Amino acid sequence: MLSAFARAFRTPDLRRKLLFTLAIMVIFRVGSFIPTPGVDYTNVQICTEQVADDNLLGLVNLFSGGALLQLSVFALGIMPYITASIIVQLLRVVIPRFEALHKEGQSGQAKLTQYTRYLTIALAILQSTTVITTARNGLLFQGCDADVIPDANFVTLALMVVTMTAGTGLIMWLGELITERGVGNGMSLLIFTSIAASFPAALWSIVGGTNGAFNFIVMIAVIVLVIGLVVYVEQSQRRIPVQYAKRMVGRRMYGGSSTYIPIKINMAGVIPVIFAASLLAVPGLIAQFGDQSADWVLWISANLVPQDAPLHIAIYVLLIVFFAFFYTSITFNPDEVADNMKKYGGFIPGIRAGRPTAEYLDYVITRITSAGSIYLALVALLPTLVLIGLGVTTNIPFGGSSILIIVGVGLETVKQIDSQLQQRHYEGFLR
């Protein structure tokens, strides 16, 4: 692998792409430490040290590489774009226009991308306003008396909203630059950068507690196990054979070839985990604005907010399973695949074309998604369950979802580099 990596850097155009990608990732990380105008950075650091166990905004803070709690210009990170992308995909189910654009090819995809950009900016304005309001009211750093926004006049607050929104737009542009001129999917690599940046410090924080060395070794072993599981499952496929009948067009014979439909065990990726974590954070966020002595607030704080609460774990698993099926049903349409196969003379051996093919594909997808959803829930919960078993009470800002993203993005990026090396008759990374 090291020799293949050296060959990649010895190839001029691939070296330029790799260096360009690394440069954008460095710029992204530098922006995470530039404070937003109007923020007292010294007080932010004091509050960040005092309030280290906030679970509610942990997901956004994770995807921003810790920039959210720093109130930097990149405080919102990539989350507005992720949310906008998911919303646009979900709207394909309810808005026929979006589904028609999806089927139009490159021009339709360009239009959907434009809608995603507009929605990203709108969500960035909404989220930046929410973050600034919670920071100003002391809800972002509960228990910290330091004033993080000393001069909270209208002009200062408006400037902060514009700065954070512009930061989100810049991140979106940087991600698209990587996709066009670099290596790999830009948005995925920026998420990878954010999580990887906070991963070592989060892992090392285990050492500070009781039996820290033992807990650290056990956690390393669990992470290695989860990485192995993720690599094995993400590389696994169910290949459904497809045969194309021979047909005469003029004097030429076409068809007669055999191929297959590759179906991954985890077709939904990490989206179900993100959706489940986001929905579970909503009750706790609402409870922060209520009377802290009210019964319903106390019940939410005891049963839904703590990651080790049995009800929290049960709802988390159910939401992951539900969204795995829901998102897979959106991204893979058996009826559409069956119609396309029938149109071009394709059929699954032993299955009649048309409706029987769609029913067979739906049957296969349902069985595979059942296993995939259980796999996602297991990967997402395993590190948390191990920490609970070890008696670690410190909130660790990473879990199975972080490992899933890091390994998944790493595999896809290596595959892209490998394919470009193969085009130049080099041995790739995945030999």
Protein backbone atom coordinates (compact mmCIF):
# COMPACT_ATOMS: atom_id res chain seq x y z
CA MET A 1 0.00 0.00 0.00
CA LEU A 2 2.86 2.38 0.78
CA SER A 3 4.38 1.74 -2.64
CA ALA A 4 1.03 2.43 -4.29
CA PHE A 5 0.74 5.63 -2.26
CA ALA A 6 4.21 6.64 -3.45
CA ARG A 7 3.18 5.94 -7.06
CA ALA A 8 0.10 8.10 -6.60
CA PHE A 9 2.31 11.05 -5.58
CA ARG A 10 4.71 10.34 -8.44
CA THR A 11 1.87 10.71 -10.95
CA PRO A 12 1.76 14.48 -11.73
CA ASP A 13 -2.00 15.00 -12.21
CA LEU A 14 -2.95 12.68 -9.33
CA ARG A 15 -0.38 14.37 -7.10
CA ARG A 16 -1.93 17.76 -7.89
CA LYS A 17 -5.36 16.43 -6.99
CA LEU A 18 -4.15 14.95 -3.70
CA LEU A 19 -2.26 18.10 -2.69
CA PHE A 20 -5.24 20.27 -3.65
CA THR A 21 -7.55 18.10 -1.52
CA LEU A 22 -5.18 18.27 1.46
CA ALA A 23 -4.89 22.07 1.09
CA ILE A 24 -8.69 22.49 1.17
CA MET A 25 -8.90 20.26 4.26
CA VAL A 26 -6.26 22.41 6.00
CA ILE A 27 -8.18 25.60 5.13
CA PHE A 28 -11.33 24.02 6.54
CA ARG A 29 -9.60 23.22 9.82
CA VAL A 30 -8.02 26.70 10.10
CA GLY A 31 -11.46 28.30 9.69
CA SER A 32 -12.72 26.26 12.65
CA PHE A 33 -10.46 28.27 14.98
CA ILE A 34 -11.24 31.79 13.68
CA PRO A 35 -13.74 33.36 16.13
CA THR A 36 -16.89 35.03 14.88
CA PRO A 37 -16.88 38.85 15.26
CA GLY A 38 -18.57 39.87 18.53
CA VAL A 39 -17.54 36.74 20.44
CA ASP A 40 -15.27 36.95 23.49
CA TYR A 41 -12.94 34.08 22.65
CA THR A 42 -11.37 33.99 26.13
CA ASN A 43 -14.76 33.51 27.80
CA VAL A 44 -15.67 30.87 25.20
CA GLN A 45 -12.59 28.86 26.15
CA ILE A 46 -13.50 29.16 29.85
CA CYS A 47 -17.06 27.97 29.23
CA THR A 48 -15.93 25.14 26.94
CA GLU A 49 -13.71 23.76 29.71
CA GLN A 50 -16.45 24.08 32.32
CA VAL A 51 -19.23 22.55 30.21
CA ALA A 52 -17.69 19.46 28.63
CA ASP A 53 -20.63 17.06 28.95
CA ASP A 54 -23.32 18.69 26.81
CA ASN A 55 -25.09 15.93 24.84
CA LEU A 56 -27.67 17.99 23.01
CA LEU A 57 -25.52 19.78 20.46
CA GLY A 58 -22.92 17.03 20.34
CA LEU A 59 -23.90 15.88 16.82
CA VAL A 60 -23.55 19.34 15.28
CA ASN A 61 -20.36 19.98 17.24
CA LEU A 62 -18.97 16.65 16.03
CA PHE A 63 -19.62 17.42 12.36
CA SER A 64 -18.13 20.89 12.77
CA GLY A 65 -14.91 19.49 14.26
CA GLY A 66 -15.54 21.25 17.58
CA ALA A 67 -16.11 24.61 15.85
CA LEU A 68 -19.67 24.99 17.18
CA LEU A 69 -18.66 25.29 20.82
CA GLN A 70 -15.83 27.61 19.74
CA LEU A 71 -18.43 29.88 18.04
CA SER A 72 -16.07 30.21 15.07
CA VAL A 73 -16.88 31.34 11.53
CA PHE A 74 -17.32 27.63 10.62
CA ALA A 75 -19.44 26.97 13.73
CA LEU A 76 -22.29 25.32 11.78
CA GLY A 77 -19.92 23.07 9.87
CA ILE A 78 -21.38 20.91 7.12
CA MET A 79 -24.66 20.12 8.93
CA PRO A 80 -26.86 22.65 7.04
CA TYR A 81 -25.74 21.11 3.73
CA ILE A 82 -26.32 17.56 5.00
CA THR A 83 -29.80 18.51 6.24
CA ALA A 84 -30.63 20.29 2.97
CA SER A 85 -29.46 17.32 0.89
CA ILE A 86 -31.57 14.90 2.91
CA ILE A 87 -34.64 17.17 2.71
CA VAL A 88 -34.31 17.49 -1.09
CA GLN A 89 -34.07 13.70 -1.42
CA LEU A 90 -37.10 13.20 0.81
CA LEU A 91 -39.10 15.79 -1.15
CA ARG A 92 -38.78 13.57 -4.23
CA VAL A 93 -41.43 11.37 -2.63
CA VAL A 94 -44.01 14.15 -2.17
CA ILE A 95 -43.17 16.59 -5.00
CA PRO A 96 -43.46 15.08 -8.52
CA ARG A 97 -41.38 17.93 -9.97
CA PHE A 98 -38.37 16.87 -7.92
CA GLU A 99 -38.75 13.25 -9.01
CA ALA A 100 -38.98 14.37 -12.65
CA LEU A 101 -35.79 16.43 -12.27
CA HIS A 102 -34.05 13.41 -10.76
CA LYS A 103 -34.89 11.37 -13.87
CA GLU A 104 -33.77 14.06 -16.34
CA GLY A 105 -30.09 13.21 -15.93
CA GLN A 106 -27.32 15.77 -15.58
CA SER A 107 -29.46 18.86 -16.21
CA GLY A 108 -32.04 17.76 -13.65
CA GLN A 109 -29.36 16.93 -11.09
CA ALA A 110 -27.84 20.39 -11.60
CA LYS A 111 -31.21 21.95 -10.83
CA LEU A 112 -31.63 19.84 -7.69
CA THR A 113 -28.11 20.83 -6.61
CA GLN A 114 -29.08 24.48 -7.01
CA TYR A 115 -32.17 23.95 -4.83
CA THR A 116 -29.95 22.24 -2.24
CA ARG A 117 -27.63 25.26 -2.16
CA TYR A 118 -30.50 27.70 -1.61
CA LEU A 119 -31.95 25.52 1.14
CA THR A 120 -28.50 25.23 2.76
CA ILE A 121 -28.22 29.02 3.06
CA ALA A 122 -31.75 29.26 4.48
CA LEU A 123 -31.01 26.56 7.06
CA ALA A 124 -27.68 28.24 7.89
CA ILE A 125 -29.49 31.49 8.67
CA LEU A 126 -31.98 29.63 10.89
CA GLN A 127 -29.34 27.56 12.67
CA SER A 128 -26.92 30.45 13.19
CA THR A 129 -29.73 32.51 14.71
CA THR A 130 -30.59 29.60 17.02
CA VAL A 131 -26.97 29.06 18.10
CA ILE A 132 -26.40 32.76 18.76
CA THR A 133 -29.67 33.04 20.72
CA THR A 134 -28.83 30.04 22.90
CA ALA A 135 -25.30 31.38 23.46
CA ARG A 136 -26.63 34.82 24.40
CA ASN A 137 -29.21 33.35 26.83
CA GLY A 138 -26.63 31.11 28.49
CA LEU A 139 -28.23 27.86 27.25
CA LEU A 140 -25.31 26.87 25.02
CA PHE A 141 -22.96 26.74 28.02
CA GLN A 142 -25.22 25.93 30.95
CA GLY A 143 -23.57 26.54 34.28
CA CYS A 144 -21.03 29.02 32.89
CA ASP A 145 -21.38 32.63 34.08
CA ALA A 146 -18.87 34.11 31.60
CA ASP A 147 -20.46 36.34 28.97
CA VAL A 148 -19.50 34.95 25.55
CA ILE A 149 -21.22 37.81 23.66
CA PRO A 150 -20.43 40.97 25.67
CA ASP A 151 -21.95 43.52 23.26
CA ALA A 152 -25.25 41.92 22.21
CA ASN A 153 -26.70 44.80 20.16
CA PHE A 154 -28.62 44.28 16.92
CA VAL A 155 -25.73 45.15 14.59
CA THR A 156 -23.36 42.74 16.34
CA LEU A 157 -25.89 39.90 16.33
CA ALA A 158 -26.75 40.50 12.66
CA LEU A 159 -23.03 40.49 11.78
CA MET A 160 -22.62 37.18 13.61
CA VAL A 161 -25.51 35.62 11.68
CA VAL A 162 -24.12 36.84 8.36
CA THR A 163 -20.61 35.59 9.25
CA MET A 164 -21.73 32.10 10.25
CA THR A 165 -24.00 31.84 7.19
CA ALA A 166 -21.15 32.95 4.95
CA GLY A 167 -18.92 30.37 6.63
CA THR A 168 -21.42 27.65 5.74
CA GLY A 169 -21.53 28.89 2.13
CA LEU A 170 -17.73 28.83 2.01
CA ILE A 171 -17.65 25.26 3.36
CA MET A 172 -20.17 24.21 0.70
CA TRP A 173 -17.99 25.80 -2.00
CA LEU A 174 -14.83 24.14 -0.64
CA GLY A 175 -16.56 20.76 -0.71
CA GLU A 176 -17.63 21.24 -4.31
CA LEU A 177 -14.08 22.27 -5.24
CA ILE A 178 -12.75 19.00 -3.85
CA THR A 179 -15.35 17.03 -5.81
CA GLU A 180 -14.50 18.83 -9.07
CA ARG A 181 -10.73 19.26 -8.82
CA GLY A 182 -9.60 16.93 -6.04
CA VAL A 183 -10.00 13.29 -5.08
CA GLY A 184 -13.16 11.86 -3.55
CA ASN A 185 -16.48 13.38 -2.53
CA GLY A 186 -15.80 16.84 -1.11
CA MET A 187 -18.60 16.98 1.45
CA SER A 188 -17.80 13.51 2.75
CA LEU A 189 -14.11 14.38 3.10
CA LEU A 190 -14.95 17.55 5.07
CA ILE A 191 -17.10 15.49 7.43
CA PHE A 192 -14.22 13.02 7.68
CA THR A 193 -11.85 15.89 8.53
CA SER A 194 -14.15 17.23 11.26
CA ILE A 195 -14.62 13.88 12.98
CA ALA A 196 -10.99 12.79 12.63
CA ALA A 197 -9.81 16.10 14.13
CA SER A 198 -11.70 15.55 17.40
CA PHE A 199 -11.29 11.77 17.54
CA PRO A 200 -7.83 11.49 19.19
CA ALA A 201 -8.61 13.99 21.97
CA ALA A 202 -11.95 12.31 22.66
CA LEU A 203 -10.30 8.90 22.84
CA TRP A 204 -7.49 10.14 25.08
CA SER A 205 -10.00 11.63 27.53
CA ILE A 206 -10.82 8.08 28.68
CA VAL A 207 -7.37 7.80 30.27
CA GLY A 208 -8.16 10.49 32.84
CA GLY A 209 -10.79 8.47 34.71
CA THR A 210 -10.67 5.50 37.06
CA ASN A 211 -8.90 2.48 35.52
CA GLY A 212 -8.06 4.78 32.65
CA ALA A 213 -5.31 2.66 31.10
CA PHE A 214 -7.45 -0.50 31.12
CA ASN A 215 -10.47 1.35 29.72
CA PHE A 216 -8.30 2.88 27.01
CA ILE A 217 -6.97 -0.54 25.91
CA VAL A 218 -10.48 -2.03 25.89
CA MET A 219 -11.80 0.91 23.87
CA ILE A 220 -8.99 0.57 21.33
CA ALA A 221 -9.86 -3.13 20.96
CA VAL A 222 -13.56 -2.28 20.47
CA ILE A 223 -12.70 0.36 17.86
CA VAL A 224 -10.55 -2.14 15.96
CA LEU A 225 -13.42 -4.65 16.11
CA VAL A 226 -15.94 -2.09 14.86
CA ILE A 227 -13.59 -1.00 12.04
CA GLY A 228 -13.20 -4.62 10.95
CA LEU A 229 -16.98 -5.11 11.04
CA VAL A 230 -17.61 -1.90 9.07
CA VAL A 231 -15.02 -2.78 6.40
CA TYR A 232 -16.41 -6.31 6.03
CA VAL A 233 -20.05 -5.22 5.75
CA GLU A 234 -19.45 -2.13 3.58
CA GLN A 235 -17.50 -4.25 1.08
CA SER A 236 -20.17 -6.98 1.02
CA GLN A 237 -22.69 -7.19 -1.80
CA ARG A 238 -25.63 -9.33 -2.84
CA ARG A 239 -25.24 -9.74 -6.59
CA ILE A 240 -28.51 -10.45 -8.40
CA PRO A 241 -27.72 -11.96 -11.85
CA VAL A 242 -29.26 -10.29 -14.89
CA GLN A 243 -29.35 -11.80 -18.39
CA TYR A 244 -29.98 -9.71 -21.51
CA ALA A 245 -31.63 -11.44 -24.44
CA LYS A 246 -30.15 -11.27 -27.92
CA ARG A 247 -31.88 -8.98 -30.43
CA MET A 248 -31.29 -8.01 -34.03
CA VAL A 249 -31.01 -4.32 -34.94
CA GLY A 250 -30.57 -4.11 -38.71
CA ARG A 251 -27.82 -6.58 -39.50
CA ARG A 252 -26.16 -6.44 -36.11
CA MET A 253 -26.77 -8.62 -33.09
CA TYR A 254 -27.04 -6.90 -29.69
CA GLY A 255 -27.44 -8.26 -26.18
CA GLY A 256 -26.82 -11.75 -24.98
CA SER A 257 -24.60 -10.50 -22.14
CA SER A 258 -24.74 -11.32 -18.45
CA THR A 259 -24.32 -8.83 -15.64
CA TYR A 260 -25.59 -8.34 -12.10
CA ILE A 261 -27.26 -5.80 -9.82
CA PRO A 262 -24.97 -5.09 -6.83
CA ILE A 263 -26.98 -4.53 -3.65
CA LYS A 264 -25.08 -3.45 -0.54
CA ILE A 265 -26.10 -4.70 2.87
CA ASN A 266 -26.12 -1.13 4.14
CA MET A 267 -27.69 0.86 1.32
CA ALA A 268 -28.73 3.75 3.56
CA GLY A 269 -25.18 4.56 4.73
CA VAL A 270 -24.95 6.61 7.92
CA ILE A 271 -28.13 8.63 7.23
CA PRO A 272 -30.38 6.58 9.59
CA VAL A 273 -27.93 7.11 12.47
CA ILE A 274 -27.80 10.87 11.84
CA PHE A 275 -31.60 11.09 11.63
CA ALA A 276 -32.08 9.05 14.81
CA ALA A 277 -29.54 11.09 16.80
CA SER A 278 -31.04 14.36 15.54
CA LEU A 279 -34.59 13.42 16.53
CA LEU A 280 -33.49 12.18 19.94
CA ALA A 281 -31.78 15.53 20.59
CA VAL A 282 -35.01 17.49 19.98
CA PRO A 283 -36.84 16.64 23.27
CA GLY A 284 -33.80 17.61 25.32
CA LEU A 285 -33.41 20.85 23.39
CA ILE A 286 -37.09 21.70 24.00
CA ALA A 287 -36.71 20.86 27.69
CA GLN A 288 -33.90 23.41 28.02
CA PHE A 289 -36.39 26.21 27.31
CA GLY A 290 -38.97 24.94 29.83
CA ASP A 291 -39.28 25.20 33.60
CA GLN A 292 -36.40 23.06 34.90
CA SER A 293 -38.50 21.96 37.92
CA ALA A 294 -41.48 20.79 35.83
CA ASP A 295 -42.28 17.08 35.85
CA TRP A 296 -42.08 16.66 32.07
CA VAL A 297 -38.68 18.38 31.95
CA LEU A 298 -37.36 16.14 34.73
CA TRP A 299 -38.72 13.05 32.96
CA ILE A 300 -37.04 13.99 29.66
CA SER A 301 -33.78 14.78 31.46
CA ALA A 302 -33.83 11.39 33.17
CA ASN A 303 -35.05 9.13 30.33
CA LEU A 304 -34.28 10.69 26.94
CA VAL A 305 -31.19 12.89 27.38
CA PRO A 306 -28.70 10.44 28.99
CA GLN A 307 -27.09 8.13 26.44
CA ASP A 308 -27.09 5.27 28.94
CA ALA A 309 -30.83 5.49 29.70
CA PRO A 310 -32.65 2.26 28.62
CA LEU A 311 -35.49 4.22 26.97
CA HIS A 312 -32.97 6.36 25.05
CA ILE A 313 -31.20 3.24 23.76
CA ALA A 314 -34.48 1.50 22.81
CA ILE A 315 -35.85 4.50 20.90
CA TYR A 316 -32.45 5.02 19.24
CA VAL A 317 -32.46 1.45 17.90
CA LEU A 318 -36.06 1.67 16.68
CA LEU A 319 -35.40 4.97 14.90
CA ILE A 320 -32.28 3.58 13.19
CA VAL A 321 -34.23 0.54 11.92
CA PHE A 322 -37.14 2.70 10.74
CA PHE A 323 -34.98 5.21 8.87
CA ALA A 324 -32.88 2.43 7.33
CA PHE A 325 -36.00 1.01 5.67
CA PHE A 326 -37.40 4.46 4.87
CA TYR A 327 -34.24 5.82 3.22
CA THR A 328 -33.60 2.59 1.30
CA SER A 329 -37.15 2.70 -0.10
CA ILE A 330 -36.42 6.21 -1.42
CA THR A 331 -33.05 5.48 -2.99
CA PHE A 332 -33.92 2.09 -4.53
CA ASN A 333 -37.21 1.68 -6.42
CA PRO A 334 -37.81 -1.98 -7.42
CA ASP A 335 -40.59 -1.03 -9.86
CA GLU A 336 -38.33 1.44 -11.68
CA VAL A 337 -35.44 -1.06 -11.88
CA ALA A 338 -37.77 -3.80 -13.15
CA ASP A 339 -39.22 -1.48 -15.84
CA ASN A 340 -35.75 -0.46 -17.04
CA MET A 341 -34.67 -4.10 -17.24
CA LYS A 342 -37.78 -5.03 -19.23
CA LYS A 343 -37.29 -2.05 -21.56
CA TYR A 344 -33.79 -3.19 -22.53
CA GLY A 345 -34.57 -6.92 -22.70
CA GLY A 346 -33.09 -7.87 -19.33
CA PHE A 347 -34.42 -10.48 -16.93
CA ILE A 348 -33.41 -12.32 -13.77
CA PRO A 349 -32.95 -16.04 -14.50
CA GLY A 350 -35.99 -17.94 -13.21
CA ILE A 351 -38.03 -14.73 -12.68
CA ARG A 352 -40.49 -13.36 -15.24
CA ALA A 353 -39.95 -9.79 -16.41
CA GLY A 354 -42.18 -6.99 -15.16
CA ARG A 355 -44.18 -7.23 -11.95
CA PRO A 356 -42.67 -10.57 -10.73
CA THR A 357 -39.17 -9.05 -11.06
CA ALA A 358 -40.21 -6.00 -8.99
CA GLU A 359 -41.69 -8.26 -6.30
CA TYR A 360 -38.54 -10.37 -6.21
CA LEU A 361 -36.31 -7.28 -5.92
CA ASP A 362 -38.54 -5.92 -3.14
CA TYR A 363 -38.28 -9.25 -1.31
CA VAL A 364 -34.47 -9.25 -1.57
CA ILE A 365 -34.18 -5.59 -0.52
CA THR A 366 -36.41 -6.16 2.51
CA ARG A 367 -34.32 -9.08 3.74
CA ILE A 368 -31.00 -7.31 3.15
CA THR A 369 -32.20 -4.07 4.77
CA SER A 370 -33.32 -6.04 7.84
CA ALA A 371 -29.75 -7.25 8.31
CA GLY A 372 -28.34 -3.81 7.39
CA SER A 373 -30.47 -1.97 9.95
CA ILE A 374 -29.42 -4.37 12.73
CA TYR A 375 -25.80 -3.87 11.67
CA LEU A 376 -26.20 -0.08 11.82
CA ALA A 377 -27.79 -0.21 15.28
CA LEU A 378 -25.04 -2.54 16.53
CA VAL A 379 -22.23 -0.34 15.18
CA ALA A 380 -23.83 2.84 16.53
CA LEU A 381 -24.40 1.42 20.03
CA LEU A 382 -21.44 -0.89 20.61
CA PRO A 383 -18.91 1.79 21.79
CA THR A 384 -21.55 3.38 24.03
CA LEU A 385 -22.54 0.04 25.57
CA VAL A 386 -18.88 -0.81 26.20
CA LEU A 387 -18.34 2.55 27.93
CA ILE A 388 -21.41 1.94 30.09
CA GLY A 389 -20.07 -1.51 30.98
CA LEU A 390 -16.71 -0.02 31.93
CA GLY A 391 -18.39 2.56 34.13
CA VAL A 392 -17.07 5.53 32.15
CA THR A 393 -19.35 8.47 32.98
CA THR A 394 -17.48 11.06 30.92
CA ASN A 395 -19.37 11.99 27.76
CA ILE A 396 -17.30 10.76 24.83
CA PRO A 397 -18.11 12.85 21.73
CA PHE A 398 -17.77 9.93 19.34
CA GLY A 399 -19.51 6.64 18.83
CA GLY A 400 -20.03 3.95 16.27
CA SER A 401 -21.46 6.48 13.82
CA SER A 402 -18.16 8.38 13.84
CA ILE A 403 -16.20 5.21 13.10
CA LEU A 404 -18.72 4.30 10.38
CA ILE A 405 -18.23 7.68 8.67
CA ILE A 406 -14.44 7.64 8.95
CA VAL A 407 -14.08 4.11 7.59
CA GLY A 408 -16.75 4.54 4.90
CA VAL A 409 -15.29 7.79 3.55
CA GLY A 410 -11.79 6.37 3.74
CA LEU A 411 -12.79 3.29 1.72
CA GLU A 412 -14.54 5.33 -0.97
CA THR A 413 -11.59 7.74 -1.31
CA VAL A 414 -9.09 4.88 -1.54
CA LYS A 415 -11.27 3.25 -4.21
CA GLN A 416 -11.21 6.43 -6.29
CA ILE A 417 -7.43 6.73 -6.00
CA ASP A 418 -7.15 3.03 -6.81
CA SER A 419 -9.26 3.37 -9.97
CA GLN A 420 -7.10 6.25 -11.21
CA LEU A 421 -3.95 4.23 -10.55
CA GLN A 422 -5.43 1.28 -12.42
CA GLN A 423 -6.06 3.51 -15.43
CA ARG A 424 -2.32 4.16 -15.51
CA HIS A 425 -1.51 0.43 -15.20
CA TYR A 426 -0.32 0.76 -11.62
CA GLU A 427 -1.11 -1.58 -8.76
CA GLY A 428 -3.74 0.07 -6.59
CA PHE A 429 -4.34 0.28 -2.85
CA LEU A 430 -6.88 -2.54 -2.80
CA ARG A 431 -4.68 -5.27 -4.28
